[in-house]
Amino acid sequence: MNSRALRRIGLVAGVATTSAIVLAGCSGGGGAASGGDENTLTLATFNDFGYTDELLAEFTEETGIKVVHNKAATSNDARANFFQKLGKTGLADVEGVEVDWFPEMMQYSDLVAPVPEDLQGRWLDWKEKAATDAEGNLVAYGTDVGPQAICYRADLFEAAGLPTAREDVAALFPTWDAFFQIGSDYVEKTGKPFIDSANSVLQGVVNQLEIAYEEPDGTVVATENPDIRAAYDTVVDKAIPIAAFPGQWTDDWYASMASGEFAAMLCPPWMHGIIEGEAPDIDGWDVANAFPEGGGNWGGSYLVVPANGKNVENAQKLADWLTSPETQIKAFNNAGTFPSQPEAQSSADLTGFVSPYFNDAPTGEIGIDRANAITVTTFKGPKYFQYHDALGNAITRVFDGIEDKETSWNTWVNEVGSF
């Protein structure tokens, strides 16, 4: 599918960004650079890419180009805005695209500017391969990857009689069965939830499957895949009873990071900055070098430059700069976004990185070990995001008591048939 197909599809969207950070005295909104000013670029991201005011000011100092940074509240919000405007008007000069809806974007790769040839080979092979279209064009700049570990509240573990040292905590979670047993014991002893959300467990389990909802040849197997049914059953039966929330990114979920409502999270490096930002005064958070069943990648994003932007050449300079090994290390320092480039991953700035917030955890080395533990990269077809988001909604309905387990599954099956 290409740009002509996109123009035939009525993508329903409409979302505003939550905060516009204006640098170097510039003003503007969230679309393409106002008036085509070559000295001003707009950048659109979501959650926390690690692109602080200070970091973007470095780009301005080096190039004389000002940057207006607009940050959407969630990946879902960014996706809606992106597909509403792609190929039309109103997108930023540089747009962040999340890995779960990146395959959907790749259907319209002719609507984004290719990455210059001299940058090819910069990223991990699988990260670059996923961003290469059928014509062999690399069309996106890899930002981070998301090798998962387990973040935990050492103070809450201690109060529940659990070990608190990183090595001992890591030994608790060799398998999902062990994870759920520890969680169940914690809930029984404390009367509080163990994990932050049920759908984070769904994400973790699905990301360990080779095939989830679509085959590489385009065959949809979502509702017939026994691994997906098993993942759903596992989350409903074992994760919901130990979870504080059905999903993430709500106001209550953010607030609970500081309140001690839950004791653990499945935790890719990019989550570190979110935890620290929401619970800056909590000194109990730590990171265990472990993940059930070995390893898994959750998240990681790309930057793309819309081909019809008014400042494509300068936008490519910004995307290049933001994804250079040096800047990836700085973004990791700011928000824990783990670099997607071998050069950055081998840097002493990463291998020796220690996080004061997470009880001086060696989060650089932990991220490297967790990345090396990943043995499966889930195939994600063009509708992966839609199928997965809808399955998460099915789990939410069960969590909230709106539908029982089988009814909610059947609702999802019917939804899949309508996509």
Protein backbone atom coordinates (compact mmCIF):
# COMPACT_ATOMS: atom_id res chain seq x y z
CA MET A 1 0.00 0.00 0.00
CA ASN A 2 1.31 3.50 -0.83
CA SER A 3 0.30 7.13 -0.72
CA ARG A 4 -2.54 6.63 -3.17
CA ALA A 5 -4.05 4.03 -0.87
CA LEU A 6 -3.66 6.34 2.09
CA ARG A 7 -5.67 9.03 0.36
CA ARG A 8 -8.50 6.55 -0.14
CA ILE A 9 -8.67 5.67 3.54
CA GLY A 10 -10.61 7.87 5.95
CA LEU A 11 -8.41 7.66 8.99
CA VAL A 12 -10.29 9.03 11.98
CA ALA A 13 -8.09 11.05 14.25
CA GLY A 14 -7.86 14.35 15.98
CA VAL A 15 -5.60 14.77 18.93
CA ALA A 16 -3.71 17.69 20.35
CA THR A 17 -0.25 17.61 21.77
CA THR A 18 0.08 18.24 25.45
CA SER A 19 2.98 20.58 25.72
CA ALA A 20 4.87 22.76 23.30
CA ILE A 21 8.41 23.48 24.33
CA VAL A 22 9.65 26.55 22.55
CA LEU A 23 13.38 26.99 22.29
CA ALA A 24 15.57 29.96 21.51
CA GLY A 25 12.75 32.47 21.78
CA CYS A 26 10.78 30.88 18.96
CA SER A 27 7.02 30.51 18.92
CA GLY A 28 4.88 28.13 16.94
CA GLY A 29 2.58 25.14 16.94
CA GLY A 30 2.74 21.45 16.14
CA GLY A 31 2.68 21.39 12.37
CA ALA A 32 5.29 22.03 9.72
CA ALA A 33 7.64 24.90 10.43
CA SER A 34 5.67 28.09 10.35
CA GLY A 35 5.91 29.84 7.01
CA GLY A 36 8.71 27.56 5.84
CA ASP A 37 11.27 29.43 7.95
CA GLU A 38 14.52 27.59 7.24
CA ASN A 39 15.87 28.57 10.64
CA THR A 40 12.99 26.99 12.57
CA LEU A 41 12.04 23.31 12.72
CA THR A 42 9.23 21.50 14.49
CA LEU A 43 9.74 18.17 16.23
CA ALA A 44 6.85 15.95 17.36
CA THR A 45 7.35 13.12 19.87
CA PHE A 46 5.41 11.41 22.67
CA ASN A 47 6.12 10.09 26.17
CA ASP A 48 9.82 10.89 26.75
CA PHE A 49 12.48 10.51 24.05
CA GLY A 50 15.07 12.20 26.24
CA TYR A 51 15.02 15.36 24.09
CA THR A 52 15.23 17.98 26.80
CA ASP A 53 15.25 21.73 26.27
CA GLU A 54 18.97 21.74 26.99
CA LEU A 55 19.70 18.98 24.46
CA LEU A 56 17.76 20.66 21.67
CA ALA A 57 19.44 23.95 22.53
CA GLU A 58 22.76 22.26 21.70
CA PHE A 59 21.50 21.63 18.17
CA THR A 60 20.47 25.25 17.89
CA GLU A 61 23.89 26.40 19.08
CA GLU A 62 25.68 24.14 16.58
CA THR A 63 23.51 24.92 13.55
CA GLY A 64 21.66 28.17 14.19
CA ILE A 65 18.39 26.29 13.60
CA LYS A 66 15.70 26.71 16.27
CA VAL A 67 13.53 23.78 17.34
CA VAL A 68 9.94 23.79 18.58
CA HIS A 69 9.23 20.52 20.38
CA ASN A 70 5.64 19.29 20.69
CA LYS A 71 5.08 16.22 22.86
CA ALA A 72 1.88 14.14 22.68
CA ALA A 73 0.65 12.54 25.88
CA THR A 74 0.70 8.98 24.50
CA SER A 75 1.80 6.91 21.53
CA ASN A 76 -1.87 6.42 20.62
CA ASP A 77 -2.37 10.18 20.44
CA ALA A 78 0.70 10.60 18.26
CA ARG A 79 -0.45 7.80 15.94
CA ALA A 80 -3.89 9.35 15.43
CA ASN A 81 -2.38 12.74 14.60
CA PHE A 82 0.26 11.22 12.31
CA PHE A 83 -2.08 9.23 10.09
CA GLN A 84 -4.65 12.00 9.92
CA LYS A 85 -2.08 14.36 8.42
CA LEU A 86 0.46 12.19 6.60
CA GLY A 87 0.66 13.20 2.95
CA LYS A 88 -1.41 16.31 3.67
CA THR A 89 -0.41 19.24 5.84
CA GLY A 90 0.15 19.85 9.52
CA LEU A 91 2.82 17.33 10.47
CA ALA A 92 6.02 18.45 12.15
CA ASP A 93 9.26 18.64 10.20
CA VAL A 94 10.44 15.58 12.17
CA GLU A 95 7.93 13.07 13.55
CA GLY A 96 8.41 10.34 16.14
CA VAL A 97 6.89 6.96 15.22
CA GLU A 98 6.49 4.16 17.78
CA VAL A 99 7.60 0.66 16.83
CA ASP A 100 4.15 -0.94 17.24
CA TRP A 101 2.60 1.26 14.56
CA PHE A 102 5.74 1.69 12.52
CA PRO A 103 4.80 -1.21 10.15
CA GLU A 104 1.56 0.65 9.44
CA MET A 105 3.61 3.72 8.52
CA MET A 106 5.81 1.65 6.22
CA GLN A 107 2.85 1.14 3.90
CA TYR A 108 3.24 4.82 3.01
CA SER A 109 7.03 4.96 2.87
CA ASP A 110 6.88 7.10 -0.28
CA LEU A 111 5.46 9.91 1.85
CA VAL A 112 8.60 10.25 3.98
CA ALA A 113 12.05 11.34 2.83
CA PRO A 114 14.70 8.58 2.58
CA VAL A 115 17.60 8.59 5.00
CA PRO A 116 20.81 9.80 3.28
CA GLU A 117 23.00 6.93 2.10
CA ASP A 118 25.99 7.97 4.20
CA LEU A 119 24.03 7.19 7.38
CA GLN A 120 23.07 3.66 6.39
CA GLY A 121 24.70 0.99 8.54
CA ARG A 122 24.57 3.18 11.63
CA TRP A 123 21.91 1.12 13.43
CA LEU A 124 21.49 -2.45 14.61
CA ASP A 125 20.80 -4.69 11.61
CA TRP A 126 17.25 -5.62 12.65
CA LYS A 127 16.40 -2.02 13.51
CA GLU A 128 17.53 -0.84 10.07
CA LYS A 129 15.95 -3.76 8.22
CA ALA A 130 12.55 -2.93 9.66
CA ALA A 131 12.89 0.63 8.29
CA THR A 132 13.85 -0.42 4.76
CA ASP A 133 10.99 -0.46 2.25
CA ALA A 134 10.35 -2.80 -0.68
CA GLU A 135 12.39 -0.56 -2.99
CA GLY A 136 15.40 -0.80 -0.69
CA ASN A 137 15.08 2.70 0.72
CA LEU A 138 15.93 3.28 4.37
CA VAL A 139 13.17 5.70 5.37
CA ALA A 140 13.51 6.20 9.14
CA TYR A 141 16.12 7.10 11.74
CA GLY A 142 16.23 4.65 14.65
CA THR A 143 16.07 6.22 18.09
CA ASP A 144 16.03 3.60 20.83
CA VAL A 145 15.26 -0.04 21.56
CA GLY A 146 13.48 -1.45 24.62
CA PRO A 147 15.25 -4.43 26.21
CA GLN A 148 13.10 -5.30 29.20
CA ALA A 149 14.19 -5.73 32.81
CA ILE A 150 12.20 -5.52 36.06
CA CYS A 151 11.95 -2.31 38.05
CA TYR A 152 10.98 -2.83 41.67
CA ARG A 153 10.46 -0.98 44.93
CA ALA A 154 13.12 -2.39 47.24
CA ASP A 155 11.41 -0.84 50.27
CA LEU A 156 8.10 -2.55 49.46
CA PHE A 157 9.87 -5.85 48.73
CA GLU A 158 11.58 -5.66 52.13
CA ALA A 159 8.30 -4.95 53.91
CA ALA A 160 6.82 -8.04 52.25
CA GLY A 161 9.71 -10.26 53.28
CA LEU A 162 11.16 -10.50 49.77
CA PRO A 163 14.87 -10.11 48.96
CA THR A 164 15.98 -6.63 47.94
CA ALA A 165 19.48 -7.05 46.48
CA ARG A 166 19.45 -6.88 42.68
CA GLU A 167 21.02 -10.28 42.15
CA ASP A 168 18.59 -11.95 44.57
CA VAL A 169 15.57 -10.23 43.02
CA ALA A 170 16.70 -11.25 39.53
CA ALA A 171 16.77 -14.87 40.69
CA LEU A 172 13.08 -14.68 41.61
CA PHE A 173 11.86 -14.35 38.03
CA PRO A 174 13.27 -17.02 35.69
CA THR A 175 9.83 -17.82 34.24
CA TRP A 176 6.38 -16.30 33.96
CA ASP A 177 5.04 -18.94 36.36
CA ALA A 178 7.60 -17.83 38.95
CA PHE A 179 6.72 -14.19 38.34
CA PHE A 180 3.01 -14.80 38.88
CA GLN A 181 3.64 -16.90 41.99
CA ILE A 182 5.76 -14.16 43.59
CA GLY A 183 3.09 -11.64 42.64
CA SER A 184 0.30 -13.74 44.10
CA ASP A 185 2.21 -14.27 47.34
CA TYR A 186 2.88 -10.53 47.57
CA VAL A 187 -0.80 -9.66 47.12
CA GLU A 188 -1.86 -12.24 49.70
CA LYS A 189 0.64 -10.94 52.25
CA THR A 190 0.23 -7.19 51.73
CA GLY A 191 -3.27 -6.77 50.34
CA LYS A 192 -1.77 -4.53 47.65
CA PRO A 193 -1.19 -5.07 43.92
CA PHE A 194 2.19 -6.40 42.87
CA ILE A 195 2.48 -5.20 39.26
CA ASP A 196 1.37 -1.88 37.81
CA SER A 197 -0.82 -3.10 34.94
CA ALA A 198 -2.22 -6.25 33.37
CA ASN A 199 -1.68 -5.04 29.83
CA SER A 200 2.03 -4.51 30.40
CA VAL A 201 2.18 -8.27 30.97
CA LEU A 202 0.30 -8.85 27.72
CA GLN A 203 2.92 -6.71 25.99
CA GLY A 204 5.73 -8.68 27.60
CA VAL A 205 4.30 -12.07 26.66
CA VAL A 206 3.38 -11.15 23.08
CA ASN A 207 6.82 -9.64 22.46
CA GLN A 208 8.29 -13.10 23.03
CA LEU A 209 6.29 -14.63 20.17
CA GLU A 210 7.68 -14.94 16.67
CA ILE A 211 4.19 -14.61 15.17
CA ALA A 212 1.39 -12.71 16.89
CA TYR A 213 -1.44 -11.45 14.68
CA GLU A 214 -0.17 -11.59 11.09
CA GLU A 215 2.12 -13.87 9.09
CA PRO A 216 4.93 -12.31 7.02
CA ASP A 217 2.95 -13.19 3.86
CA GLY A 218 0.04 -11.07 5.09
CA THR A 219 -2.16 -13.90 6.37
CA VAL A 220 -4.13 -12.78 9.42
CA VAL A 221 -3.88 -15.41 12.17
CA ALA A 222 -4.86 -13.24 15.14
CA THR A 223 -7.92 -15.10 16.35
CA GLU A 224 -6.65 -18.56 15.37
CA ASN A 225 -3.16 -18.26 16.85
CA PRO A 226 -3.06 -20.51 19.94
CA ASP A 227 -0.18 -18.46 21.34
CA ILE A 228 -2.36 -15.34 21.37
CA ARG A 229 -5.21 -17.19 23.04
CA ALA A 230 -2.72 -18.52 25.62
CA ALA A 231 -1.37 -15.00 26.21
CA TYR A 232 -4.89 -13.67 26.74
CA ASP A 233 -5.76 -16.49 29.15
CA THR A 234 -2.54 -15.97 31.08
CA VAL A 235 -3.09 -12.26 31.50
CA VAL A 236 -6.74 -12.59 32.50
CA ASP A 237 -6.20 -15.49 34.88
CA LYS A 238 -2.84 -14.58 36.41
CA ALA A 239 -1.96 -10.94 35.72
CA ILE A 240 -5.27 -9.24 36.44
CA PRO A 241 -5.40 -10.58 40.03
CA ILE A 242 -1.99 -9.05 40.85
CA ALA A 243 -2.30 -5.77 38.88
CA ALA A 244 -3.17 -2.29 40.10
CA PHE A 245 -4.56 -1.11 36.77
CA PRO A 246 -5.72 -2.63 33.50
CA GLY A 247 -3.39 -0.43 31.45
CA GLN A 248 -0.92 2.41 31.65
CA TRP A 249 -0.72 6.15 30.90
CA THR A 250 -3.72 7.28 32.97
CA ASP A 251 -3.48 10.02 35.58
CA ASP A 252 -4.02 7.46 38.35
CA TRP A 253 -1.29 5.21 36.95
CA TYR A 254 1.20 8.08 36.92
CA ALA A 255 0.28 9.15 40.44
CA SER A 256 0.61 5.62 41.80
CA MET A 257 4.34 5.47 41.01
CA ALA A 258 4.95 7.69 43.98
CA SER A 259 2.19 6.39 46.26
CA GLY A 260 3.52 2.86 46.64
CA GLU A 261 0.36 1.30 45.26
CA PHE A 262 2.36 -1.38 43.41
CA ALA A 263 5.80 -2.91 43.87
CA ALA A 264 7.10 -3.83 40.41
CA MET A 265 6.96 -3.01 36.72
CA LEU A 266 8.09 -4.69 33.53
CA CYS A 267 10.61 -2.09 32.61
CA PRO A 268 12.34 -1.21 29.33
CA PRO A 269 15.00 1.49 29.72
CA TRP A 270 12.74 4.24 28.39
CA MET A 271 10.47 3.66 31.39
CA HIS A 272 13.23 4.77 33.76
CA GLY A 273 12.79 8.43 32.94
CA ILE A 274 9.03 8.18 33.36
CA ILE A 275 9.35 6.63 36.81
CA GLU A 276 11.92 9.16 37.96
CA GLY A 277 9.89 12.03 36.55
CA GLU A 278 6.69 10.95 38.28
CA ALA A 279 8.24 9.88 41.59
CA PRO A 280 11.30 12.11 42.03
CA ASP A 281 11.29 11.90 45.82
CA ILE A 282 11.01 8.11 46.11
CA ASP A 283 14.30 6.42 46.96
CA GLY A 284 13.11 2.81 46.85
CA TRP A 285 13.16 2.10 43.10
CA ASP A 286 15.79 -0.31 41.74
CA VAL A 287 16.34 -2.39 38.60
CA ALA A 288 16.86 -6.16 38.45
CA ASN A 289 18.81 -7.68 35.56
CA ALA A 290 16.08 -10.20 34.75
CA PHE A 291 13.00 -10.85 32.67
CA PRO A 292 10.71 -13.91 32.68
CA GLU A 293 11.69 -16.52 30.07
CA GLY A 294 14.89 -14.68 29.16
CA GLY A 295 14.38 -11.47 27.24
CA GLY A 296 12.01 -9.28 25.32
CA ASN A 297 11.97 -5.96 23.52
CA TRP A 298 9.19 -3.50 24.29
CA GLY A 299 9.11 -0.27 22.36
CA GLY A 300 11.76 1.73 20.70
CA SER A 301 10.93 4.33 18.13
CA TYR A 302 11.98 6.00 14.90
CA LEU A 303 12.11 9.52 13.55
CA VAL A 304 10.80 10.24 10.06
CA VAL A 305 10.89 13.33 7.87
CA PRO A 306 7.66 13.94 5.91
CA ALA A 307 8.59 14.27 2.25
CA ASN A 308 6.26 17.24 1.69
CA GLY A 309 7.70 19.29 4.54
CA LYS A 310 8.93 22.81 3.84
CA ASN A 311 12.35 22.21 5.38
CA VAL A 312 13.24 18.64 4.42
CA GLU A 313 17.00 19.20 4.19
CA ASN A 314 17.25 20.84 7.60
CA ALA A 315 14.82 18.31 9.05
CA GLN A 316 17.14 15.54 7.90
CA LYS A 317 19.99 17.31 9.69
CA LEU A 318 17.96 17.35 12.90
CA ALA A 319 16.95 13.68 12.59
CA ASP A 320 20.58 12.78 11.88
CA TRP A 321 21.80 14.76 14.89
CA LEU A 322 19.18 13.35 17.25
CA THR A 323 20.07 9.77 16.32
CA SER A 324 23.84 10.12 16.22
CA PRO A 325 25.71 7.87 18.68
CA GLU A 326 26.71 10.85 20.81
CA THR A 327 23.17 12.21 21.09
CA GLN A 328 21.72 8.75 21.73
CA ILE A 329 23.97 8.51 24.76
CA LYS A 330 22.79 11.92 25.97
CA ALA A 331 19.14 10.90 25.48
CA PHE A 332 19.82 7.74 27.48
CA ASN A 333 21.30 9.84 30.28
CA ASN A 334 18.18 12.02 30.21
CA ALA A 335 15.44 9.41 29.99
CA GLY A 336 16.91 5.90 29.83
CA THR A 337 16.15 5.50 26.12
CA PHE A 338 18.53 2.68 25.19
CA PRO A 339 20.64 3.36 22.07
CA SER A 340 19.89 1.46 18.87
CA GLN A 341 23.42 1.80 17.48
CA PRO A 342 26.35 -0.56 18.09
CA GLU A 343 28.77 2.36 18.37
CA ALA A 344 26.69 3.91 21.14
CA GLN A 345 26.15 0.58 22.89
CA SER A 346 29.89 -0.04 23.11
CA SER A 347 30.65 3.42 24.45
CA ALA A 348 32.14 3.67 27.93
CA ASP A 349 29.55 6.37 28.57
CA LEU A 350 26.93 3.61 28.34
CA THR A 351 28.74 0.58 29.74
CA GLY A 352 29.79 2.51 32.82
CA PHE A 353 26.50 4.35 33.35
CA VAL A 354 25.07 4.17 36.86
CA SER A 355 21.65 5.57 37.80
CA PRO A 356 21.67 7.42 41.13
CA TYR A 357 17.87 7.41 41.20
CA PHE A 358 17.65 3.62 40.89
CA ASN A 359 19.89 3.01 43.91
CA ASP A 360 23.03 3.33 41.76
CA ALA A 361 21.94 0.47 39.52
CA PRO A 362 24.31 -0.12 36.58
CA THR A 363 21.51 0.48 34.11
CA GLY A 364 23.86 0.74 31.16
CA GLU A 365 25.22 -2.77 31.66
CA ILE A 366 21.77 -4.08 32.57
CA GLY A 367 20.40 -2.72 29.31
CA ILE A 368 23.21 -4.37 27.35
CA ASP A 369 22.65 -7.73 29.08
CA ARG A 370 18.90 -7.53 28.53
CA ALA A 371 19.42 -6.66 24.86
CA ASN A 372 21.71 -9.67 24.47
CA ALA A 373 19.02 -11.87 26.04
CA ILE A 374 16.53 -11.09 23.26
CA THR A 375 16.26 -14.11 20.97
CA VAL A 376 12.92 -13.36 19.30
CA THR A 377 11.78 -10.30 17.40
CA THR A 378 8.02 -10.44 16.91
CA PHE A 379 6.82 -10.01 13.35
CA LYS A 380 4.61 -6.94 13.24
CA GLY A 381 2.42 -6.48 10.20
CA PRO A 382 0.56 -3.32 9.12
CA LYS A 383 -2.35 -3.96 11.50
CA TYR A 384 -0.34 -5.11 14.49
CA PHE A 385 -1.17 -1.98 16.48
CA GLN A 386 -4.91 -2.27 15.82
CA TYR A 387 -5.12 -5.95 16.74
CA HIS A 388 -2.95 -5.57 19.83
CA ASP A 389 -4.66 -2.43 21.06
CA ALA A 390 -8.04 -4.10 20.70
CA LEU A 391 -6.84 -7.17 22.63
CA GLY A 392 -5.62 -4.86 25.37
CA ASN A 393 -9.07 -3.31 25.45
CA ALA A 394 -10.55 -6.80 25.84
CA ILE A 395 -8.38 -7.35 28.92
CA THR A 396 -9.41 -3.95 30.25
CA ARG A 397 -13.10 -4.90 29.93
CA VAL A 398 -12.49 -7.99 32.04
CA PHE A 399 -10.46 -6.04 34.59
CA ASP A 400 -13.22 -3.44 34.90
CA GLY A 401 -15.98 -6.07 35.14
CA ILE A 402 -17.68 -4.90 31.95
CA GLU A 403 -17.48 -8.32 30.28
CA ASP A 404 -16.47 -11.77 31.42
CA LYS A 405 -13.45 -13.53 29.98
CA GLU A 406 -15.14 -15.40 27.12
CA THR A 407 -17.48 -12.58 26.16
CA SER A 408 -14.63 -10.11 25.94
CA TRP A 409 -12.56 -12.50 23.83
CA ASN A 410 -15.50 -12.95 21.44
CA THR A 411 -15.93 -9.18 21.26
CA TRP A 412 -12.28 -8.93 20.21
CA VAL A 413 -12.72 -11.67 17.60
CA ASN A 414 -15.58 -9.71 16.05
CA GLU A 415 -13.51 -6.52 16.12
CA VAL A 416 -10.61 -8.21 14.34
CA GLY A 417 -12.96 -9.15 11.52
CA SER A 418 -13.93 -5.50 11.06
CA PHE A 419 -10.41 -4.06 10.74
